Amino acid sequence: MAQNEWILDVLSDLNAFAVANGLTMLAEQLDDTKLIAAAEIASMKNEARAPADGNRTRSGSDPAGFGEHQHA
């Protein structure tokens, strides 16, 4: 979903403006906002890769579904 990543550039530009103009609290808030935006964009990418029926695919070929990360 590269179509949403432009917002990260906009937030970076706003942050640079805030820093250059002594708006320290705004710059810090924009840093946080950029992190949140990046996380949401990554989440959207992960949702787009998920199977359409909502079932998660299992790793490994064990038909019983037991993988190396399963616990008794």
Protein backbone atom coordinates (compact mmCIF):
# COMPACT_ATOMS: atom_id res chain seq x y z
CA MET A 1 0.00 0.00 0.00
CA ALA A 2 2.56 2.50 -1.10
CA GLN A 3 -0.31 4.89 -1.75
CA ASN A 4 -0.43 5.72 1.98
CA GLU A 5 3.29 6.18 2.59
CA TRP A 6 3.26 9.77 1.31
CA ILE A 7 1.92 10.82 4.68
CA LEU A 8 5.23 9.84 6.28
CA ASP A 9 7.01 12.35 4.04
CA VAL A 10 4.50 15.06 4.92
CA LEU A 11 4.97 14.39 8.64
CA SER A 12 8.76 14.55 8.19
CA ASP A 13 8.45 17.91 6.41
CA LEU A 14 6.21 19.25 9.16
CA ASN A 15 8.67 18.00 11.76
CA ALA A 16 11.57 19.73 9.99
CA PHE A 17 9.57 22.97 9.93
CA ALA A 18 8.77 22.64 13.64
CA VAL A 19 12.43 22.00 14.54
CA ALA A 20 13.65 24.90 12.37
CA ASN A 21 11.19 27.26 14.03
CA GLY A 22 11.78 26.26 17.64
CA LEU A 23 8.49 24.40 18.04
CA THR A 24 10.01 21.66 20.19
CA MET A 25 6.81 20.16 21.60
CA LEU A 26 5.21 20.09 18.17
CA ALA A 27 8.31 18.39 16.73
CA GLU A 28 8.16 15.73 19.43
CA GLN A 29 4.45 15.17 18.80
CA LEU A 30 5.07 14.86 15.07
CA ASP A 31 7.77 12.24 15.76
CA ASP A 32 5.22 10.24 17.73
CA THR A 33 2.60 10.74 15.03
CA LYS A 34 5.00 9.50 12.36
CA LEU A 35 5.63 6.32 14.38
CA ILE A 36 1.90 5.72 14.74
CA ALA A 37 1.32 6.34 11.03
CA ALA A 38 4.13 3.92 10.09
CA ALA A 39 2.68 1.27 12.41
CA GLU A 40 -0.80 1.67 10.93
CA ILE A 41 0.52 1.49 7.38
CA ALA A 42 2.46 -1.67 8.25
CA SER A 43 -0.66 -3.12 9.86
CA MET A 44 -2.66 -2.42 6.71
CA LYS A 45 0.01 -4.20 4.67
CA ASN A 46 -0.19 -7.22 6.98
CA GLU A 47 -3.98 -7.32 6.73
CA ALA A 48 -3.75 -7.21 2.95
CA ARG A 49 -1.51 -10.30 3.02
CA ALA A 50 -3.88 -12.27 5.28
CA PRO A 51 -5.98 -15.01 3.66
CA ALA A 52 -9.36 -13.78 2.45
CA ASP A 53 -11.30 -16.20 4.66
CA GLY A 54 -9.58 -14.88 7.79
CA ASN A 55 -7.90 -18.18 8.63
CA ARG A 56 -4.25 -17.97 9.42
CA THR A 57 -1.99 -20.29 7.56
CA ARG A 58 0.08 -22.70 9.60
CA SER A 59 3.77 -23.07 9.18
CA GLY A 60 5.13 -26.55 8.77
CA SER A 61 3.55 -29.58 7.20
CA ASP A 62 2.25 -31.43 10.25
CA PRO A 63 -1.42 -32.23 9.46
CA ALA A 64 -2.27 -32.26 13.17
CA GLY A 65 -1.21 -28.63 13.35
CA PHE A 66 1.53 -29.07 15.91
CA GLY A 67 4.44 -26.79 15.23
CA GLU A 68 7.60 -25.98 17.06
CA HIS A 69 5.88 -23.09 18.88
CA GLN A 70 2.94 -25.03 20.25
CA HIS A 71 2.91 -25.86 23.93
CA ALA A 72 1.10 -28.63 25.79
